[in-house]
Protein backbone atom coordinates (compact mmCIF):
# COMPACT_ATOMS: atom_id res chain seq x y z
CA MET A 1 0.00 0.00 0.00
CA THR A 2 1.33 3.42 -0.95
CA PHE A 3 -0.12 6.69 0.26
CA ASP A 4 0.30 9.09 -2.64
CA THR A 5 -1.15 12.11 -0.86
CA ASN A 6 -3.38 12.72 2.11
CA ASN A 7 -6.36 12.06 -0.16
CA SER A 8 -5.32 8.92 -2.05
CA VAL A 9 -3.81 5.47 -1.70
CA THR A 10 -2.48 3.03 -4.29
CA LEU A 11 -2.82 -0.72 -3.78
CA LYS A 12 -1.20 -3.59 -5.66
CA ILE A 13 -3.47 -6.62 -5.26
CA TRP A 14 -2.05 -9.92 -6.47
CA ASP A 15 -4.69 -12.28 -5.07
CA ARG A 16 -7.72 -12.03 -7.38
CA SER A 17 -9.89 -13.93 -4.91
CA ALA A 18 -9.33 -11.15 -2.34
CA LEU A 19 -9.81 -8.28 -4.80
CA HIS A 20 -13.33 -7.19 -3.79
CA HIS A 21 -12.76 -7.67 -0.08
CA THR A 22 -9.47 -5.73 -0.18
CA LEU A 23 -10.97 -2.83 -2.15
CA ASP A 24 -14.07 -2.69 0.09
CA THR A 25 -11.88 -2.58 3.19
CA ALA A 26 -9.63 0.10 1.70
CA VAL A 27 -12.63 2.24 0.71
CA SER A 28 -14.06 1.94 4.22
CA ASP A 29 -10.73 2.86 5.81
CA LEU A 30 -10.15 5.86 3.54
CA SER A 31 -13.68 7.18 4.03
CA ALA A 32 -13.38 6.81 7.82
CA ARG A 33 -10.02 8.58 7.83
CA HIS A 34 -11.54 11.51 5.92
CA ASN A 35 -14.88 11.43 7.75
CA THR A 36 -16.84 11.12 4.53
CA THR A 37 -19.20 8.61 2.91
CA LYS A 38 -17.96 5.68 0.86
CA CYS A 39 -19.63 7.08 -2.25
CA ARG A 40 -17.08 9.93 -2.22
CA ILE A 41 -14.20 7.48 -2.74
CA ALA A 42 -13.20 6.91 -6.37
CA VAL A 43 -11.51 3.64 -7.33
CA THR A 44 -9.54 3.51 -10.58
CA CYS A 45 -7.48 0.76 -12.13
CA SER A 46 -4.12 2.46 -12.55
CA GLY A 47 -2.13 -0.49 -13.88
CA PRO A 48 -1.93 -4.27 -13.85
CA ASN A 49 -3.25 -5.41 -10.46
CA THR A 50 -2.89 -1.80 -9.26
CA PHE A 51 -5.76 0.34 -7.98
CA THR A 52 -5.80 3.94 -6.82
CA LEU A 53 -8.42 5.08 -4.32
CA SER A 54 -8.96 8.79 -3.87
CA VAL A 55 -11.33 11.11 -2.08
CA CYS A 56 -13.47 13.04 -4.57
CA GLU A 57 -13.70 16.74 -3.90
CA ASP A 58 -16.75 17.01 -6.13
CA LEU A 59 -19.66 14.66 -5.40
CA ALA A 60 -20.51 14.58 -9.14
CA LEU A 61 -17.16 12.87 -9.80
CA ALA A 62 -17.97 10.08 -7.36
CA SER A 63 -21.08 9.08 -9.32
CA ALA A 64 -19.38 9.19 -12.74
């Protein structure tokens, strides 16, 4: 796990069977750390087996 900034984290997930659980846990942790709802956390695939989670400043971006 790499914290890119205060508002994002990058994860490299090798175990495909743990993919959803790992991402759900990371989203919950990031939203709790920023005292915001989970729907304000954006998850993007930023490379092979690599995902970046970030806090959306604009709520419209979270629903895109």
